[in-house]
Amino acid sequence: MKRRKNLAIMIVMCIVVVLTWVMAPLIKEQFNNQVYKTLIAKVRNEALPANLKIIRSVERKSDDVSGTSYTAGFSGVIIGNQGDTYYNR
């Protein structure tokens, strides 16, 4: 009888440990989302839209043919602006 009780306790403890191990990351994510809610919103609304990719376009014209080509360019982040001029880094 005592042996069954000990076995049942061990099984319950193992289940609790496994559930804790599986659920801990989910609980931590929910906790961080609540704690950093305003920071996440600020990043989503201000920082992400400031990312940009600059592409260089070259227009070529010769005799009867004209065309435009595009290069891969580079990426950056807007760090400031004055009027309609934006500065990136």
PDB file of N, CA and C in Angstrom:
ATOM      1  N   MET A   1       0.823  -1.195   0.000  1.00  0.00           N
ATOM      2  CA  MET A   1       0.000   0.000   0.000  1.00  0.00           C
ATOM      3  C   MET A   1       0.871   1.264   0.000  1.00  0.00           C
ATOM      4  N   LYS A   2       1.876   1.267   0.864  1.00  0.00           N
ATOM      5  CA  LYS A   2       2.766   2.415   0.942  1.00  0.00           C
ATOM      6  C   LYS A   2       3.562   2.557  -0.353  1.00  0.00           C
ATOM      7  N   ARG A   3       3.894   1.424  -0.950  1.00  0.00           N
ATOM      8  CA  ARG A   3       4.652   1.440  -2.195  1.00  0.00           C
ATOM      9  C   ARG A   3       3.834   2.073  -3.322  1.00  0.00           C
ATOM     10  N   ARG A   4       2.553   1.763  -3.407  1.00  0.00           N
ATOM     11  CA  ARG A   4       1.679   2.353  -4.420  1.00  0.00           C
ATOM     12  C   ARG A   4       1.546   3.862  -4.218  1.00  0.00           C
ATOM     13  N   LYS A   5       1.442   4.265  -2.970  1.00  0.00           N
ATOM     14  CA  LYS A   5       1.322   5.681  -2.659  1.00  0.00           C
ATOM     15  C   LYS A   5       2.581   6.430  -3.097  1.00  0.00           C
ATOM     16  N   ASN A   6       3.744   5.846  -2.813  1.00  0.00           N
ATOM     17  CA  ASN A   6       5.010   6.461  -3.221  1.00  0.00           C
ATOM     18  C   ASN A   6       5.120   6.524  -4.750  1.00  0.00           C
ATOM     19  N   LEU A   7       4.698   5.447  -5.427  1.00  0.00           N
ATOM     20  CA  LEU A   7       4.730   5.416  -6.882  1.00  0.00           C
ATOM     21  C   LEU A   7       3.806   6.491  -7.468  1.00  0.00           C
ATOM     22  N   ALA A   8       2.625   6.639  -6.899  1.00  0.00           N
ATOM     23  CA  ALA A   8       1.676   7.656  -7.360  1.00  0.00           C
ATOM     24  C   ALA A   8       2.244   9.055  -7.159  1.00  0.00           C
ATOM     25  N   ILE A   9       2.884   9.283  -6.039  1.00  0.00           N
ATOM     26  CA  ILE A   9       3.499  10.591  -5.764  1.00  0.00           C
ATOM     27  C   ILE A   9       4.611  10.871  -6.775  1.00  0.00           C
ATOM     28  N   MET A  10       5.423   9.870  -7.083  1.00  0.00           N
ATOM     29  CA  MET A  10       6.518  10.028  -8.048  1.00  0.00           C
ATOM     30  C   MET A  10       5.969  10.338  -9.444  1.00  0.00           C
ATOM     31  N   ILE A  11       4.897   9.667  -9.833  1.00  0.00           N
ATOM     32  CA  ILE A  11       4.293   9.907 -11.149  1.00  0.00           C
ATOM     33  C   ILE A  11       3.748  11.327 -11.227  1.00  0.00           C
ATOM     34  N   VAL A  12       3.055  11.755 -10.185  1.00  0.00           N
ATOM     35  CA  VAL A  12       2.503  13.106 -10.147  1.00  0.00           C
ATOM     36  C   VAL A  12       3.629  14.137 -10.201  1.00  0.00           C
ATOM     37  N   MET A  13       4.711  13.907  -9.479  1.00  0.00           N
ATOM     38  CA  MET A  13       5.846  14.835  -9.492  1.00  0.00           C
ATOM     39  C   MET A  13       6.473  14.909 -10.885  1.00  0.00           C
ATOM     40  N   CYS A  14       6.603  13.768 -11.546  1.00  0.00           N
ATOM     41  CA  CYS A  14       7.156  13.745 -12.902  1.00  0.00           C
ATOM     42  C   CYS A  14       6.271  14.511 -13.871  1.00  0.00           C
ATOM     43  N   ILE A  15       4.974  14.339 -13.747  1.00  0.00           N
ATOM     44  CA  ILE A  15       4.039  15.054 -14.607  1.00  0.00           C
ATOM     45  C   ILE A  15       4.142  16.562 -14.371  1.00  0.00           C
ATOM     46  N   VAL A  16       4.232  16.958 -13.115  1.00  0.00           N
ATOM     47  CA  VAL A  16       4.355  18.382 -12.788  1.00  0.00           C
ATOM     48  C   VAL A  16       5.646  18.954 -13.376  1.00  0.00           C
ATOM     49  N   VAL A  17       6.755  18.215 -13.262  1.00  0.00           N
ATOM     50  CA  VAL A  17       8.032  18.688 -13.793  1.00  0.00           C
ATOM     51  C   VAL A  17       7.960  18.828 -15.319  1.00  0.00           C
ATOM     52  N   VAL A  18       7.394  17.837 -15.992  1.00  0.00           N
ATOM     53  CA  VAL A  18       7.291  17.890 -17.455  1.00  0.00           C
ATOM     54  C   VAL A  18       6.382  19.045 -17.887  1.00  0.00           C
ATOM     55  N   LEU A  19       5.250  19.212 -17.238  1.00  0.00           N
ATOM     56  CA  LEU A  19       4.352  20.305 -17.588  1.00  0.00           C
ATOM     57  C   LEU A  19       5.015  21.669 -17.353  1.00  0.00           C
ATOM     58  N   THR A  20       5.742  21.798 -16.265  1.00  0.00           N
ATOM     59  CA  THR A  20       6.457  23.038 -15.982  1.00  0.00           C
ATOM     60  C   THR A  20       7.497  23.308 -17.060  1.00  0.00           C
ATOM     61  N   TRP A  21       8.222  22.268 -17.459  1.00  0.00           N
ATOM     62  CA  TRP A  21       9.259  22.408 -18.480  1.00  0.00           C
ATOM     63  C   TRP A  21       8.653  22.814 -19.826  1.00  0.00           C
ATOM     64  N   VAL A  22       7.487  22.270 -20.151  1.00  0.00           N
ATOM     65  CA  VAL A  22       6.829  22.571 -21.423  1.00  0.00           C
ATOM     66  C   VAL A  22       6.154  23.940 -21.385  1.00  0.00           C
ATOM     67  N   MET A  23       5.532  24.285 -20.289  1.00  0.00           N
ATOM     68  CA  MET A  23       4.732  25.506 -20.206  1.00  0.00           C
ATOM     69  C   MET A  23       5.535  26.751 -19.845  1.00  0.00           C
ATOM     70  N   ALA A  24       6.718  26.603 -19.264  1.00  0.00           N
ATOM     71  CA  ALA A  24       7.496  27.754 -18.808  1.00  0.00           C
ATOM     72  C   ALA A  24       7.748  28.781 -19.915  1.00  0.00           C
ATOM     73  N   PRO A  25       8.181  28.376 -21.115  1.00  0.00           N
ATOM     74  CA  PRO A  25       8.402  29.395 -22.161  1.00  0.00           C
ATOM     75  C   PRO A  25       7.127  30.146 -22.545  1.00  0.00           C
ATOM     76  N   LEU A  26       6.003  29.455 -22.579  1.00  0.00           N
ATOM     77  CA  LEU A  26       4.742  30.119 -22.914  1.00  0.00           C
ATOM     78  C   LEU A  26       4.336  31.122 -21.843  1.00  0.00           C
ATOM     79  N   ILE A  27       4.510  30.724 -20.597  1.00  0.00           N
ATOM     80  CA  ILE A  27       4.183  31.618 -19.481  1.00  0.00           C
ATOM     81  C   ILE A  27       5.103  32.828 -19.501  1.00  0.00           C
ATOM     82  N   LYS A  28       6.392  32.603 -19.751  1.00  0.00           N
ATOM     83  CA  LYS A  28       7.359  33.706 -19.801  1.00  0.00           C
ATOM     84  C   LYS A  28       7.020  34.670 -20.931  1.00  0.00           C
ATOM     85  N   GLU A  29       6.633  34.145 -22.092  1.00  0.00           N
ATOM     86  CA  GLU A  29       6.273  35.003 -23.219  1.00  0.00           C
ATOM     87  C   GLU A  29       5.062  35.866 -22.884  1.00  0.00           C
ATOM     88  N   GLN A  30       4.044  35.280 -22.288  1.00  0.00           N
ATOM     89  CA  GLN A  30       2.859  36.044 -21.903  1.00  0.00           C
ATOM     90  C   GLN A  30       3.208  37.113 -20.863  1.00  0.00           C
ATOM     91  N   PHE A  31       4.057  36.763 -19.908  1.00  0.00           N
ATOM     92  CA  PHE A  31       4.479  37.714 -18.884  1.00  0.00           C
ATOM     93  C   PHE A  31       5.226  38.879 -19.527  1.00  0.00           C
ATOM     94  N   ASN A  32       6.190  38.572 -20.415  1.00  0.00           N
ATOM     95  CA  ASN A  32       6.956  39.630 -21.080  1.00  0.00           C
ATOM     96  C   ASN A  32       6.062  40.507 -21.947  1.00  0.00           C
ATOM     97  N   ASN A  33       5.085  39.912 -22.628  1.00  0.00           N
ATOM     98  CA  ASN A  33       4.162  40.708 -23.442  1.00  0.00           C
ATOM     99  C   ASN A  33       3.386  41.693 -22.590  1.00  0.00           C
ATOM    100  N   GLN A  34       2.994  41.303 -21.394  1.00  0.00           N
ATOM    101  CA  GLN A  34       2.253  42.205 -20.513  1.00  0.00           C
ATOM    102  C   GLN A  34       3.167  43.285 -19.936  1.00  0.00           C
ATOM    103  N   VAL A  35       4.365  42.880 -19.508  1.00  0.00           N
ATOM    104  CA  VAL A  35       5.290  43.831 -18.880  1.00  0.00           C
ATOM    105  C   VAL A  35       5.780  44.860 -19.894  1.00  0.00           C
ATOM    106  N   TYR A  36       6.093  44.416 -21.105  1.00  0.00           N
ATOM    107  CA  TYR A  36       6.682  45.288 -22.104  1.00  0.00           C
ATOM    108  C   TYR A  36       5.681  45.722 -23.182  1.00  0.00           C
ATOM    109  N   LYS A  37       4.406  45.739 -22.838  1.00  0.00           N
ATOM    110  CA  LYS A  37       3.351  46.062 -23.809  1.00  0.00           C
ATOM    111  C   LYS A  37       3.585  47.419 -24.467  1.00  0.00           C
ATOM    112  N   THR A  38       3.911  48.450 -23.683  1.00  0.00           N
ATOM    113  CA  THR A  38       4.105  49.784 -24.259  1.00  0.00           C
ATOM    114  C   THR A  38       5.369  49.835 -25.108  1.00  0.00           C
ATOM    115  N   LEU A  39       6.421  49.147 -24.686  1.00  0.00           N
ATOM    116  CA  LEU A  39       7.653  49.127 -25.478  1.00  0.00           C
ATOM    117  C   LEU A  39       7.433  48.410 -26.806  1.00  0.00           C
ATOM    118  N   ILE A  40       6.729  47.302 -26.769  1.00  0.00           N
ATOM    119  CA  ILE A  40       6.435  46.552 -27.996  1.00  0.00           C
ATOM    120  C   ILE A  40       5.614  47.421 -28.948  1.00  0.00           C
ATOM    121  N   ALA A  41       4.632  48.127 -28.433  1.00  0.00           N
ATOM    122  CA  ALA A  41       3.807  48.995 -29.274  1.00  0.00           C
ATOM    123  C   ALA A  41       4.640  50.129 -29.859  1.00  0.00           C
ATOM    124  N   LYS A  42       5.534  50.695 -29.064  1.00  0.00           N
ATOM    125  CA  LYS A  42       6.377  51.790 -29.539  1.00  0.00           C
ATOM    126  C   LYS A  42       7.306  51.314 -30.655  1.00  0.00           C
ATOM    127  N   VAL A  43       7.909  50.144 -30.475  1.00  0.00           N
ATOM    128  CA  VAL A  43       8.790  49.589 -31.509  1.00  0.00           C
ATOM    129  C   VAL A  43       7.994  49.310 -32.774  1.00  0.00           C
ATOM    130  N   ARG A  44       6.826  48.710 -32.613  1.00  0.00           N
ATOM    131  CA  ARG A  44       5.986  48.370 -33.773  1.00  0.00           C
ATOM    132  C   ARG A  44       5.554  49.626 -34.526  1.00  0.00           C
ATOM    133  N   ASN A  45       5.228  50.698 -33.804  1.00  0.00           N
ATOM    134  CA  ASN A  45       4.697  51.902 -34.444  1.00  0.00           C
ATOM    135  C   ASN A  45       5.770  52.880 -34.913  1.00  0.00           C
ATOM    136  N   GLU A  46       6.933  52.893 -34.249  1.00  0.00           N
ATOM    137  CA  GLU A  46       7.941  53.898 -34.576  1.00  0.00           C
ATOM    138  C   GLU A  46       9.188  53.322 -35.246  1.00  0.00           C
ATOM    139  N   ALA A  47       9.721  52.236 -34.720  1.00  0.00           N
ATOM    140  CA  ALA A  47      10.995  51.725 -35.236  1.00  0.00           C
ATOM    141  C   ALA A  47      10.813  50.919 -36.513  1.00  0.00           C
ATOM    142  N   LEU A  48       9.856  50.032 -36.560  1.00  0.00           N
ATOM    143  CA  LEU A  48       9.695  49.192 -37.747  1.00  0.00           C
ATOM    144  C   LEU A  48       9.373  50.000 -39.004  1.00  0.00           C
ATOM    145  N   PRO A  49       8.494  50.998 -38.951  1.00  0.00           N
ATOM    146  CA  PRO A  49       8.245  51.783 -40.161  1.00  0.00           C
ATOM    147  C   PRO A  49       9.455  52.616 -40.597  1.00  0.00           C
ATOM    148  N   ALA A  50      10.420  52.835 -39.702  1.00  0.00           N
ATOM    149  CA  ALA A  50      11.592  53.629 -40.041  1.00  0.00           C
ATOM    150  C   ALA A  50      12.619  52.829 -40.835  1.00  0.00           C
ATOM    151  N   ASN A  51      12.488  51.509 -40.878  1.00  0.00           N
ATOM    152  CA  ASN A  51      13.403  50.703 -41.677  1.00  0.00           C
ATOM    153  C   ASN A  51      13.098  50.921 -43.145  1.00  0.00           C
ATOM    154  N   LEU A  52      14.141  51.000 -43.929  1.00  0.00           N
ATOM    155  CA  LEU A  52      13.928  51.225 -45.344  1.00  0.00           C
ATOM    156  C   LEU A  52      14.986  50.506 -46.164  1.00  0.00           C
ATOM    157  N   LYS A  53      14.692  50.318 -47.421  1.00  0.00           N
ATOM    158  CA  LYS A  53      15.654  49.759 -48.366  1.00  0.00           C
ATOM    159  C   LYS A  53      15.796  50.766 -49.488  1.00  0.00           C
ATOM    160  N   ILE A  54      17.016  51.179 -49.723  1.00  0.00           N
ATOM    161  CA  ILE A  54      17.279  52.175 -50.741  1.00  0.00           C
ATOM    162  C   ILE A  54      17.679  51.441 -52.018  1.00  0.00           C
ATOM    163  N   ILE A  55      16.961  51.746 -53.088  1.00  0.00           N
ATOM    164  CA  ILE A  55      17.211  51.116 -54.387  1.00  0.00           C
ATOM    165  C   ILE A  55      17.590  52.209 -55.375  1.00  0.00           C
ATOM    166  N   ARG A  56      18.656  51.978 -56.085  1.00  0.00           N
ATOM    167  CA  ARG A  56      19.106  52.955 -57.074  1.00  0.00           C
ATOM    168  C   ARG A  56      18.498  52.614 -58.432  1.00  0.00           C
ATOM    169  N   SER A  57      17.881  53.593 -59.056  1.00  0.00           N
ATOM    170  CA  SER A  57      17.338  53.361 -60.402  1.00  0.00           C
ATOM    171  C   SER A  57      18.151  54.175 -61.397  1.00  0.00           C
ATOM    172  N   VAL A  58      18.442  53.557 -62.509  1.00  0.00           N
ATOM    173  CA  VAL A  58      19.210  54.217 -63.566  1.00  0.00           C
ATOM    174  C   VAL A  58      18.379  54.183 -64.845  1.00  0.00           C
ATOM    175  N   GLU A  59      18.114  55.361 -65.390  1.00  0.00           N
ATOM    176  CA  GLU A  59      17.365  55.434 -66.644  1.00  0.00           C
ATOM    177  C   GLU A  59      18.357  55.631 -67.780  1.00  0.00           C
ATOM    178  N   ARG A  60      18.187  54.834 -68.810  1.00  0.00           N
ATOM    179  CA  ARG A  60      19.074  54.916 -69.970  1.00  0.00           C
ATOM    180  C   ARG A  60      18.251  55.193 -71.214  1.00  0.00           C
ATOM    181  N   LYS A  61      18.765  56.089 -72.010  1.00  0.00           N
ATOM    182  CA  LYS A  61      18.092  56.418 -73.262  1.00  0.00           C
ATOM    183  C   LYS A  61      19.126  56.390 -74.377  1.00  0.00           C
ATOM    184  N   SER A  62      18.787  55.718 -75.410  1.00  0.00           N
ATOM    185  CA  SER A  62      19.625  55.734 -76.604  1.00  0.00           C
ATOM    186  C   SER A  62      18.709  55.693 -77.811  1.00  0.00           C
ATOM    187  N   ASP A  63      19.103  56.272 -78.861  1.00  0.00           N
ATOM    188  CA  ASP A  63      18.337  56.360 -80.111  1.00  0.00           C
ATOM    189  C   ASP A  63      16.832  56.145 -79.911  1.00  0.00           C
ATOM    190  N   ASP A  64      16.369  54.931 -80.165  1.00  0.00           N
ATOM    191  CA  ASP A  64      14.921  54.657 -80.091  1.00  0.00           C
ATOM    192  C   ASP A  64      14.522  53.919 -78.817  1.00  0.00           C
ATOM    193  N   VAL A  65      15.494  53.574 -77.979  1.00  0.00           N
ATOM    194  CA  VAL A  65      15.211  52.704 -76.838  1.00  0.00           C
ATOM    195  C   VAL A  65      15.491  53.439 -75.530  1.00  0.00           C
ATOM    196  N   SER A  66      14.593  53.273 -74.594  1.00  0.00           N
ATOM    197  CA  SER A  66      14.836  53.790 -73.244  1.00  0.00           C
ATOM    198  C   SER A  66      14.479  52.694 -72.253  1.00  0.00           C
ATOM    199  N   GLY A  67      15.135  52.701 -71.121  1.00  0.00           N
ATOM    200  CA  GLY A  67      14.877  51.669 -70.123  1.00  0.00           C
ATOM    201  C   GLY A  67      15.351  52.104 -68.752  1.00  0.00           C
ATOM    202  N   THR A  68      14.899  51.388 -67.798  1.00  0.00           N
ATOM    203  CA  THR A  68      15.280  51.668 -66.414  1.00  0.00           C
ATOM    204  C   THR A  68      15.804  50.384 -65.789  1.00  0.00           C
ATOM    205  N   SER A  69      16.920  50.503 -65.070  1.00  0.00           N
ATOM    206  CA  SER A  69      17.444  49.341 -64.339  1.00  0.00           C
ATOM    207  C   SER A  69      17.522  49.701 -62.860  1.00  0.00           C
ATOM    208  N   TYR A  70      17.432  48.674 -62.037  1.00  0.00           N
ATOM    209  CA  TYR A  70      17.441  48.868 -60.591  1.00  0.00           C
ATOM    210  C   TYR A  70      18.558  48.029 -59.981  1.00  0.00           C
ATOM    211  N   THR A  71      19.233  48.598 -58.992  1.00  0.00           N
ATOM    212  CA  THR A  71      20.257  47.849 -58.269  1.00  0.00           C
ATOM    213  C   THR A  71      19.717  47.465 -56.903  1.00  0.00           C
ATOM    214  N   ALA A  72      20.374  46.498 -56.281  1.00  0.00           N
ATOM    215  CA  ALA A  72      19.921  46.002 -54.980  1.00  0.00           C
ATOM    216  C   ALA A  72      19.959  47.087 -53.923  1.00  0.00           C
ATOM    217  N   GLY A  73      20.878  47.992 -54.016  1.00  0.00           N
ATOM    218  CA  GLY A  73      20.952  49.075 -53.051  1.00  0.00           C
ATOM    219  C   GLY A  73      21.394  48.590 -51.683  1.00  0.00           C
ATOM    220  N   PHE A  74      20.947  49.250 -50.646  1.00  0.00           N
ATOM    221  CA  PHE A  74      21.301  48.887 -49.277  1.00  0.00           C
ATOM    222  C   PHE A  74      20.139  49.243 -48.366  1.00  0.00           C
ATOM    223  N   SER A  75      20.229  48.841 -47.128  1.00  0.00           N
ATOM    224  CA  SER A  75      19.148  49.135 -46.194  1.00  0.00           C
ATOM    225  C   SER A  75      19.652  50.107 -45.137  1.00  0.00           C
ATOM    226  N   GLY A  76      18.733  50.669 -44.409  1.00  0.00           N
ATOM    227  CA  GLY A  76      19.102  51.615 -43.374  1.00  0.00           C
ATOM    228  C   GLY A  76      17.924  51.924 -42.477  1.00  0.00           C
ATOM    229  N   VAL A  77      18.136  52.853 -41.572  1.00  0.00           N
ATOM    230  CA  VAL A  77      17.101  53.286 -40.637  1.00  0.00           C
ATOM    231  C   VAL A  77      17.083  54.808 -40.646  1.00  0.00           C
ATOM    232  N   ILE A  78      15.902  55.379 -40.712  1.00  0.00           N
ATOM    233  CA  ILE A  78      15.773  56.835 -40.668  1.00  0.00           C
ATOM    234  C   ILE A  78      16.118  57.303 -39.262  1.00  0.00           C
ATOM    235  N   ILE A  79      17.064  58.256 -39.172  1.00  0.00           N
ATOM    236  CA  ILE A  79      17.452  58.764 -37.850  1.00  0.00           C
ATOM    237  C   ILE A  79      16.998  60.198 -37.617  1.00  0.00           C
ATOM    238  N   GLY A  80      16.482  60.827 -38.661  1.00  0.00           N
ATOM    239  CA  GLY A  80      15.983  62.183 -38.487  1.00  0.00           C
ATOM    240  C   GLY A  80      15.488  62.743 -39.799  1.00  0.00           C
ATOM    241  N   ASN A  81      14.821  63.882 -39.719  1.00  0.00           N
ATOM    242  CA  ASN A  81      14.374  64.536 -40.940  1.00  0.00           C
ATOM    243  C   ASN A  81      14.272  66.035 -40.716  1.00  0.00           C
ATOM    244  N   GLN A  82      14.401  66.763 -41.836  1.00  0.00           N
ATOM    245  CA  GLN A  82      14.166  68.201 -41.852  1.00  0.00           C
ATOM    246  C   GLN A  82      13.289  68.450 -43.069  1.00  0.00           C
ATOM    247  N   GLY A  83      12.039  68.774 -42.833  1.00  0.00           N
ATOM    248  CA  GLY A  83      11.118  68.964 -43.927  1.00  0.00           C
ATOM    249  C   GLY A  83      10.892  67.653 -44.673  1.00  0.00           C
ATOM    250  N   ASP A  84      11.145  67.684 -45.985  1.00  0.00           N
ATOM    251  CA  ASP A  84      10.963  66.474 -46.793  1.00  0.00           C
ATOM    252  C   ASP A  84      12.266  65.710 -46.991  1.00  0.00           C
ATOM    253  N   THR A  85      13.312  66.088 -46.282  1.00  0.00           N
ATOM    254  CA  THR A  85      14.598  65.391 -46.384  1.00  0.00           C
ATOM    255  C   THR A  85      14.767  64.477 -45.190  1.00  0.00           C
ATOM    256  N   TYR A  86      15.037  63.200 -45.472  1.00  0.00           N
ATOM    257  CA  TYR A  86      15.199  62.208 -44.415  1.00  0.00           C
ATOM    258  C   TYR A  86      16.644  61.732 -44.382  1.00  0.00           C
ATOM    259  N   TYR A  87      17.166  61.548 -43.186  1.00  0.00           N
ATOM    260  CA  TYR A  87      18.548  61.116 -42.999  1.00  0.00           C
ATOM    261  C   TYR A  87      18.551  59.695 -42.465  1.00  0.00           C
ATOM    262  N   ASN A  88      19.447  58.884 -43.019  1.00  0.00           N
ATOM    263  CA  ASN A  88      19.516  57.492 -42.543  1.00  0.00           C
ATOM    264  C   ASN A  88      20.926  57.177 -42.107  1.00  0.00           C
ATOM    265  N   ARG A  89      21.026  56.072 -41.416  1.00  0.00           N
ATOM    266  CA  ARG A  89      22.332  55.586 -40.960  1.00  0.00           C
ATOM    267  C   ARG A  89      22.508  54.190 -41.457  1.00  0.00           C
TER     268      ARG A  89
END
